[in-house]
PDB file of all heavy atoms in Angstrom:
ATOM      1  N   ILE A   1     110.370 107.652 115.731  1.00  0.00           N
ATOM      2  CA  ILE A   1     110.705 106.911 114.522  1.00  0.00           C
ATOM      3  C   ILE A   1     111.360 107.869 113.550  1.00  0.00           C
ATOM      4  O   ILE A   1     110.904 109.001 113.378  1.00  0.00           O
ATOM      5  CB  ILE A   1     109.439 106.292 113.866  1.00  0.00           C
ATOM      6  CG1 ILE A   1     108.883 105.161 114.731  1.00  0.00           C
ATOM      7  CG2 ILE A   1     109.738 105.802 112.444  1.00  0.00           C
ATOM      8  CD1 ILE A   1     107.541 104.625 114.253  1.00  0.00           C
ATOM      9  N   ARG A   2     112.433 107.384 112.913  1.00  0.00           N
ATOM     10  CA  ARG A   2     113.051 108.120 111.801  1.00  0.00           C
ATOM     11  C   ARG A   2     113.048 107.205 110.594  1.00  0.00           C
ATOM     12  O   ARG A   2     113.461 106.046 110.684  1.00  0.00           O
ATOM     13  CB  ARG A   2     114.489 108.524 112.135  1.00  0.00           C
ATOM     14  CG  ARG A   2     115.142 109.342 110.998  1.00  0.00           C
ATOM     15  CD  ARG A   2     116.519 109.844 111.384  1.00  0.00           C
ATOM     16  NE  ARG A   2     117.485 108.783 111.535  1.00  0.00           N
ATOM     17  CZ  ARG A   2     118.208 108.252 110.533  1.00  0.00           C
ATOM     18  NH1 ARG A   2     118.049 108.677 109.282  1.00  0.00           N
ATOM     19  NH2 ARG A   2     119.081 107.293 110.765  1.00  0.00           N
ATOM     20  N   VAL A   3     112.533 107.710 109.488  1.00  0.00           N
ATOM     21  CA  VAL A   3     112.499 106.968 108.236  1.00  0.00           C
ATOM     22  C   VAL A   3     113.516 107.597 107.287  1.00  0.00           C
ATOM     23  O   VAL A   3     113.450 108.800 107.024  1.00  0.00           O
ATOM     24  CB  VAL A   3     111.089 107.000 107.596  1.00  0.00           C
ATOM     25  CG1 VAL A   3     111.095 106.383 106.208  1.00  0.00           C
ATOM     26  CG2 VAL A   3     110.074 106.317 108.500  1.00  0.00           C
ATOM     27  N   SER A   4     114.445 106.776 106.811  1.00  0.00           N
ATOM     28  CA  SER A   4     115.420 107.244 105.831  1.00  0.00           C
ATOM     29  C   SER A   4     115.011 106.725 104.454  1.00  0.00           C
ATOM     30  O   SER A   4     115.095 105.525 104.194  1.00  0.00           O
ATOM     31  CB  SER A   4     116.818 106.746 106.191  1.00  0.00           C
ATOM     32  OG  SER A   4     117.706 107.039 105.115  1.00  0.00           O
ATOM     33  N   ILE A   5     114.563 107.640 103.608  1.00  0.00           N
ATOM     34  CA  ILE A   5     114.198 107.273 102.237  1.00  0.00           C
ATOM     35  C   ILE A   5     115.444 106.802 101.481  1.00  0.00           C
ATOM     36  O   ILE A   5     115.400 105.804 100.761  1.00  0.00           O
ATOM     37  CB  ILE A   5     113.508 108.449 101.520  1.00  0.00           C
ATOM     38  CG1 ILE A   5     112.158 108.751 102.196  1.00  0.00           C
ATOM     39  CG2 ILE A   5     113.331 108.159 100.039  1.00  0.00           C
ATOM     40  CD1 ILE A   5     111.481 110.031 101.724  1.00  0.00           C
ATOM     41  N   ALA A   6     116.563 107.483 101.673  1.00  0.00           N
ATOM     42  CA  ALA A   6     117.804 107.132 100.966  1.00  0.00           C
ATOM     43  C   ALA A   6     118.292 105.730 101.328  1.00  0.00           C
ATOM     44  O   ALA A   6     118.721 104.971 100.466  1.00  0.00           O
ATOM     45  CB  ALA A   6     118.897 108.158 101.274  1.00  0.00           C
ATOM     46  N   GLU A   7     118.174 105.374 102.621  1.00  0.00           N
ATOM     47  CA  GLU A   7     118.651 104.068 103.082  1.00  0.00           C
ATOM     48  C   GLU A   7     117.576 102.983 103.000  1.00  0.00           C
ATOM     49  O   GLU A   7     117.895 101.807 103.171  1.00  0.00           O
ATOM     50  CB  GLU A   7     119.143 104.164 104.523  1.00  0.00           C
ATOM     51  CG  GLU A   7     120.338 105.055 104.724  1.00  0.00           C
ATOM     52  CD  GLU A   7     120.686 105.175 106.187  1.00  0.00           C
ATOM     53  OE1 GLU A   7     121.328 104.243 106.721  1.00  0.00           O
ATOM     54  OE2 GLU A   7     120.314 106.203 106.802  1.00  0.00           O
ATOM     55  N   GLN A   8     116.311 103.381 102.803  1.00  0.00           N
ATOM     56  CA  GLN A   8     115.191 102.446 102.830  1.00  0.00           C
ATOM     57  C   GLN A   8     115.171 101.695 104.167  1.00  0.00           C
ATOM     58  O   GLN A   8     115.054 100.463 104.217  1.00  0.00           O
ATOM     59  CB  GLN A   8     115.236 101.483 101.638  1.00  0.00           C
ATOM     60  CG  GLN A   8     114.984 102.156 100.299  1.00  0.00           C
ATOM     61  CD  GLN A   8     113.573 102.708 100.176  1.00  0.00           C
ATOM     62  OE1 GLN A   8     112.601 101.968 100.131  1.00  0.00           O
ATOM     63  NE2 GLN A   8     113.443 104.029 100.158  1.00  0.00           N
ATOM     64  N   LYS A   9     115.260 102.468 105.248  1.00  0.00           N
ATOM     65  CA  LYS A   9     115.258 101.913 106.593  1.00  0.00           C
ATOM     66  C   LYS A   9     114.381 102.761 107.512  1.00  0.00           C
ATOM     67  O   LYS A   9     114.271 103.975 107.333  1.00  0.00           O
ATOM     68  CB  LYS A   9     116.667 101.836 107.167  1.00  0.00           C
ATOM     69  CG  LYS A   9     117.549 100.864 106.403  1.00  0.00           C
ATOM     70  CD  LYS A   9     118.749 100.467 107.188  1.00  0.00           C
ATOM     71  CE  LYS A   9     119.642  99.519 106.417  1.00  0.00           C
ATOM     72  NZ  LYS A   9     119.044  98.265 106.066  1.00  0.00           N
ATOM     73  N   LEU A  10     113.766 102.086 108.476  1.00  0.00           N
ATOM     74  CA  LEU A  10     113.010 102.736 109.537  1.00  0.00           C
ATOM     75  C   LEU A  10     113.757 102.461 110.831  1.00  0.00           C
ATOM     76  O   LEU A  10     114.083 101.313 111.130  1.00  0.00           O
ATOM     77  CB  LEU A  10     111.587 102.189 109.589  1.00  0.00           C
ATOM     78  CG  LEU A  10     110.631 102.792 110.604  1.00  0.00           C
ATOM     79  CD1 LEU A  10     109.200 102.746 110.086  1.00  0.00           C
ATOM     80  CD2 LEU A  10     110.712 102.126 111.963  1.00  0.00           C
ATOM     81  N   PHE A  11     114.030 103.520 111.587  1.00  0.00           N
ATOM     82  CA  PHE A  11     114.744 103.433 112.852  1.00  0.00           C
ATOM     83  C   PHE A  11     113.767 103.782 113.973  1.00  0.00           C
ATOM     84  O   PHE A  11     113.267 104.906 114.020  1.00  0.00           O
ATOM     85  CB  PHE A  11     115.917 104.412 112.870  1.00  0.00           C
ATOM     86  CG  PHE A  11     116.888 104.220 111.751  1.00  0.00           C
ATOM     87  CD1 PHE A  11     116.675 104.804 110.506  1.00  0.00           C
ATOM     88  CD2 PHE A  11     118.026 103.455 111.931  1.00  0.00           C
ATOM     89  CE1 PHE A  11     117.578 104.633 109.465  1.00  0.00           C
ATOM     90  CE2 PHE A  11     118.944 103.276 110.896  1.00  0.00           C
ATOM     91  CZ  PHE A  11     118.712 103.862 109.665  1.00  0.00           C
ATOM     92  N   TYR A  12     113.497 102.819 114.860  1.00  0.00           N
ATOM     93  CA  TYR A  12     112.651 103.085 116.019  1.00  0.00           C
ATOM     94  C   TYR A  12     113.552 103.200 117.242  1.00  0.00           C
ATOM     95  O   TYR A  12     114.315 102.276 117.543  1.00  0.00           O
ATOM     96  CB  TYR A  12     111.633 101.965 116.241  1.00  0.00           C
ATOM     97  CG  TYR A  12     110.899 102.104 117.547  1.00  0.00           C
ATOM     98  CD1 TYR A  12     109.982 103.126 117.740  1.00  0.00           C
ATOM     99  CD2 TYR A  12     111.160 101.238 118.609  1.00  0.00           C
ATOM    100  CE1 TYR A  12     109.326 103.281 118.951  1.00  0.00           C
ATOM    101  CE2 TYR A  12     110.501 101.376 119.826  1.00  0.00           C
ATOM    102  CZ  TYR A  12     109.585 102.408 119.987  1.00  0.00           C
ATOM    103  OH  TYR A  12     108.944 102.565 121.198  1.00  0.00           O
ATOM    104  N   THR A  13     113.489 104.336 117.917  1.00  0.00           N
ATOM    105  CA  THR A  13     114.262 104.551 119.131  1.00  0.00           C
ATOM    106  C   THR A  13     113.281 104.564 120.296  1.00  0.00           C
ATOM    107  O   THR A  13     112.348 105.378 120.322  1.00  0.00           O
ATOM    108  CB  THR A  13     115.053 105.874 119.060  1.00  0.00           C
ATOM    109  OG1 THR A  13     115.898 105.835 117.910  1.00  0.00           O
ATOM    110  CG2 THR A  13     115.884 106.074 120.311  1.00  0.00           C
ATOM    111  N   ASP A  14     113.484 103.657 121.257  1.00  0.00           N
ATOM    112  CA  ASP A  14     112.565 103.554 122.396  1.00  0.00           C
ATOM    113  C   ASP A  14     112.927 104.563 123.484  1.00  0.00           C
ATOM    114  O   ASP A  14     113.875 105.349 123.345  1.00  0.00           O
ATOM    115  CB  ASP A  14     112.499 102.117 122.921  1.00  0.00           C
ATOM    116  CG  ASP A  14     113.757 101.648 123.631  1.00  0.00           C
ATOM    117  OD1 ASP A  14     114.625 102.481 124.005  1.00  0.00           O
ATOM    118  OD2 ASP A  14     113.870 100.421 123.837  1.00  0.00           O
ATOM    119  N   SER A  15     112.181 104.552 124.573  1.00  0.00           N
ATOM    120  CA  SER A  15     112.353 105.534 125.647  1.00  0.00           C
ATOM    121  C   SER A  15     113.677 105.387 126.383  1.00  0.00           C
ATOM    122  O   SER A  15     114.094 106.293 127.101  1.00  0.00           O
ATOM    123  CB  SER A  15     111.187 105.468 126.628  1.00  0.00           C
ATOM    124  OG  SER A  15     111.083 104.159 127.155  1.00  0.00           O
ATOM    125  N   ASN A  16     114.382 104.263 126.196  1.00  0.00           N
ATOM    126  CA  ASN A  16     115.706 104.061 126.782  1.00  0.00           C
ATOM    127  C   ASN A  16     116.824 104.421 125.806  1.00  0.00           C
ATOM    128  O   ASN A  16     117.998 104.248 126.114  1.00  0.00           O
ATOM    129  CB  ASN A  16     115.889 102.599 127.223  1.00  0.00           C
ATOM    130  CG  ASN A  16     114.934 102.246 128.339  1.00  0.00           C
ATOM    131  OD1 ASN A  16     114.752 103.010 129.280  1.00  0.00           O
ATOM    132  ND2 ASN A  16     114.302 101.096 128.223  1.00  0.00           N
ATOM    133  N   GLY A  17     116.442 104.888 124.606  1.00  0.00           N
ATOM    134  CA  GLY A  17     117.433 105.244 123.609  1.00  0.00           C
ATOM    135  C   GLY A  17     117.916 104.065 122.779  1.00  0.00           C
ATOM    136  O   GLY A  17     118.836 104.208 121.977  1.00  0.00           O
ATOM    137  N   LEU A  18     117.303 102.892 122.970  1.00  0.00           N
ATOM    138  CA  LEU A  18     117.689 101.706 122.200  1.00  0.00           C
ATOM    139  C   LEU A  18     117.026 101.759 120.832  1.00  0.00           C
ATOM    140  O   LEU A  18     115.822 102.017 120.719  1.00  0.00           O
ATOM    141  CB  LEU A  18     117.297 100.434 122.933  1.00  0.00           C
ATOM    142  CG  LEU A  18     117.967 100.238 124.306  1.00  0.00           C
ATOM    143  CD1 LEU A  18     117.397  99.006 124.996  1.00  0.00           C
ATOM    144  CD2 LEU A  18     119.480 100.138 124.157  1.00  0.00           C
ATOM    145  N   GLU A  19     117.814 101.482 119.808  1.00  0.00           N
ATOM    146  CA  GLU A  19     117.329 101.597 118.427  1.00  0.00           C
ATOM    147  C   GLU A  19     117.105 100.227 117.803  1.00  0.00           C
ATOM    148  O   GLU A  19     117.936  99.339 117.931  1.00  0.00           O
ATOM    149  CB  GLU A  19     118.361 102.386 117.621  1.00  0.00           C
ATOM    150  CG  GLU A  19     117.925 102.700 116.215  1.00  0.00           C
ATOM    151  CD  GLU A  19     118.947 103.570 115.506  1.00  0.00           C
ATOM    152  OE1 GLU A  19     119.984 103.027 115.073  1.00  0.00           O
ATOM    153  OE2 GLU A  19     118.696 104.784 115.392  1.00  0.00           O
ATOM    154  N   THR A  20     115.962 100.088 117.117  1.00  0.00           N
ATOM    155  CA  THR A  20     115.670  98.917 116.301  1.00  0.00           C
ATOM    156  C   THR A  20     115.573  99.396 114.854  1.00  0.00           C
ATOM    157  O   THR A  20     114.924 100.404 114.581  1.00  0.00           O
ATOM    158  CB  THR A  20     114.346  98.253 116.726  1.00  0.00           C
ATOM    159  OG1 THR A  20     114.392  97.968 118.122  1.00  0.00           O
ATOM    160  CG2 THR A  20     114.098  96.963 115.957  1.00  0.00           C
ATOM    161  N   VAL A  21     116.206  98.677 113.945  1.00  0.00           N
ATOM    162  CA  VAL A  21     116.256  99.078 112.539  1.00  0.00           C
ATOM    163  C   VAL A  21     115.477  98.059 111.704  1.00  0.00           C
ATOM    164  O   VAL A  21     115.666  96.853 111.860  1.00  0.00           O
ATOM    165  CB  VAL A  21     117.713  99.175 112.032  1.00  0.00           C
ATOM    166  CG1 VAL A  21     117.746  99.638 110.580  1.00  0.00           C
ATOM    167  CG2 VAL A  21     118.522 100.105 112.919  1.00  0.00           C
ATOM    168  N   TYR A  22     114.612  98.570 110.827  1.00  0.00           N
ATOM    169  CA  TYR A  22     113.812  97.729 109.944  1.00  0.00           C
ATOM    170  C   TYR A  22     114.090  98.126 108.501  1.00  0.00           C
ATOM    171  O   TYR A  22     114.175  99.311 108.176  1.00  0.00           O
ATOM    172  CB  TYR A  22     112.324  97.936 110.204  1.00  0.00           C
ATOM    173  CG  TYR A  22     111.889  97.630 111.607  1.00  0.00           C
ATOM    174  CD1 TYR A  22     111.765  98.646 112.553  1.00  0.00           C
ATOM    175  CD2 TYR A  22     111.571  96.328 112.000  1.00  0.00           C
ATOM    176  CE1 TYR A  22     111.342  98.370 113.843  1.00  0.00           C
ATOM    177  CE2 TYR A  22     111.150  96.038 113.281  1.00  0.00           C
ATOM    178  CZ  TYR A  22     111.041  97.077 114.200  1.00  0.00           C
ATOM    179  OH  TYR A  22     110.620  96.801 115.479  1.00  0.00           O
ATOM    180  N   SER A  23     114.176  97.141 107.627  1.00  0.00           N
ATOM    181  CA  SER A  23     114.234  97.389 106.189  1.00  0.00           C
ATOM    182  C   SER A  23     112.811  97.675 105.716  1.00  0.00           C
ATOM    183  O   SER A  23     111.868  96.999 106.131  1.00  0.00           O
ATOM    184  CB  SER A  23     114.804  96.167 105.479  1.00  0.00           C
ATOM    185  OG  SER A  23     114.999  96.453 104.118  1.00  0.00           O
ATOM    186  N   ILE A  24     112.648  98.694 104.882  1.00  0.00           N
ATOM    187  CA  ILE A  24     111.321  99.135 104.441  1.00  0.00           C
ATOM    188  C   ILE A  24     111.322  99.354 102.933  1.00  0.00           C
ATOM    189  O   ILE A  24     112.350  99.216 102.264  1.00  0.00           O
ATOM    190  CB  ILE A  24     110.904 100.448 105.145  1.00  0.00           C
ATOM    191  CG1 ILE A  24     111.944 101.553 104.853  1.00  0.00           C
ATOM    192  CG2 ILE A  24     110.718 100.220 106.645  1.00  0.00           C
ATOM    193  CD1 ILE A  24     111.501 102.946 105.221  1.00  0.00           C
ATOM    194  N   SER A  25     110.157  99.751 102.425  1.00  0.00           N
ATOM    195  CA  SER A  25     110.025 100.167 101.040  1.00  0.00           C
ATOM    196  C   SER A  25     109.179 101.436 101.007  1.00  0.00           C
ATOM    197  O   SER A  25     108.036 101.426 101.466  1.00  0.00           O
ATOM    198  CB  SER A  25     109.368  99.062 100.204  1.00  0.00           C
ATOM    199  OG  SER A  25     109.191  99.490  98.871  1.00  0.00           O
ATOM    200  N   THR A  26     109.760 102.511 100.495  1.00  0.00           N
ATOM    201  CA  THR A  26     109.019 103.771 100.339  1.00  0.00           C
ATOM    202  C   THR A  26     108.602 103.905  98.867  1.00  0.00           C
ATOM    203  O   THR A  26     108.670 102.945  98.112  1.00  0.00           O
ATOM    204  CB  THR A  26     109.862 104.972 100.814  1.00  0.00           C
ATOM    205  OG1 THR A  26     111.055 105.043 100.032  1.00  0.00           O
ATOM    206  CG2 THR A  26     110.210 104.853 102.299  1.00  0.00           C
ATOM    207  N   ALA A  27     108.209 105.093  98.467  1.00  0.00           N
ATOM    208  CA  ALA A  27     107.601 105.303  97.150  1.00  0.00           C
ATOM    209  C   ALA A  27     108.530 105.083  95.971  1.00  0.00           C
ATOM    210  O   ALA A  27     109.660 105.566  95.944  1.00  0.00           O
ATOM    211  CB  ALA A  27     107.016 106.701  97.064  1.00  0.00           C
ATOM    212  N   LYS A  28     108.001 104.371  95.001  1.00  0.00           N
ATOM    213  CA  LYS A  28     108.696 104.168  93.724  1.00  0.00           C
ATOM    214  C   LYS A  28     108.984 105.514  93.056  1.00  0.00           C
ATOM    215  O   LYS A  28     109.997 105.683  92.383  1.00  0.00           O
ATOM    216  CB  LYS A  28     107.822 103.299  92.814  1.00  0.00           C
ATOM    217  CG  LYS A  28     108.462 102.938  91.511  1.00  0.00           C
ATOM    218  CD  LYS A  28     107.572 102.006  90.717  1.00  0.00           C
ATOM    219  CE  LYS A  28     108.250 101.545  89.448  1.00  0.00           C
ATOM    220  NZ  LYS A  28     107.440 100.567  88.726  1.00  0.00           N
ATOM    221  N   ASN A  29     108.086 106.500  93.273  1.00  0.00           N
ATOM    222  CA  ASN A  29     108.243 107.828  92.663  1.00  0.00           C
ATOM    223  C   ASN A  29     109.159 108.757  93.457  1.00  0.00           C
ATOM    224  O   ASN A  29     109.274 109.929  93.120  1.00  0.00           O
ATOM    225  CB  ASN A  29     106.881 108.491  92.481  1.00  0.00           C
ATOM    226  CG  ASN A  29     106.039 107.823  91.426  1.00  0.00           C
ATOM    227  OD1 ASN A  29     106.540 107.012  90.649  1.00  0.00           O
ATOM    228  ND2 ASN A  29     104.766 108.133  91.396  1.00  0.00           N
ATOM    229  N   GLY A  30     109.763 108.247  94.541  1.00  0.00           N
ATOM    230  CA  GLY A  30     110.686 109.065  95.323  1.00  0.00           C
ATOM    231  C   GLY A  30     109.991 109.890  96.389  1.00  0.00           C
ATOM    232  O   GLY A  30     108.852 109.627  96.772  1.00  0.00           O
ATOM    233  N   ALA A  31     110.669 110.929  96.828  1.00  0.00           N
ATOM    234  CA  ALA A  31     110.163 111.803  97.885  1.00  0.00           C
ATOM    235  C   ALA A  31     109.389 112.961  97.284  1.00  0.00           C
ATOM    236  O   ALA A  31     109.761 113.487  96.235  1.00  0.00           O
ATOM    237  CB  ALA A  31     111.323 112.325  98.730  1.00  0.00           C
ATOM    238  N   GLY A  32     108.319 113.349  97.953  1.00  0.00           N
ATOM    239  CA  GLY A  32     107.517 114.492  97.511  1.00  0.00           C
ATOM    240  C   GLY A  32     106.238 114.598  98.314  1.00  0.00           C
ATOM    241  O   GLY A  32     105.756 113.601  98.851  1.00  0.00           O
ATOM    242  N   GLU A  33     105.702 115.771  98.366  1.00  0.00           N
ATOM    243  CA  GLU A  33     104.574 116.032  99.257  1.00  0.00           C
ATOM    244  C   GLU A  33     103.241 116.294  98.555  1.00  0.00           C
ATOM    245  O   GLU A  33     102.210 116.311  99.210  1.00  0.00           O
ATOM    246  CB  GLU A  33     104.918 117.245 100.155  1.00  0.00           C
ATOM    247  CG  GLU A  33     106.032 116.984 101.149  1.00  0.00           C
ATOM    248  CD  GLU A  33     107.418 116.800 100.551  1.00  0.00           C
ATOM    249  OE1 GLU A  33     107.811 117.561  99.645  1.00  0.00           O
ATOM    250  OE2 GLU A  33     108.111 115.858 100.998  1.00  0.00           O
TER     251      GLU A  33
END
């Protein structure tokens, strides 16, 4: 899985290399650890 905070999308790549894209919502406060 790759999550793009900038795009607000989650990309799931399966074992065959096929990608499924989901619209998501990450933190209102942005990125940080």
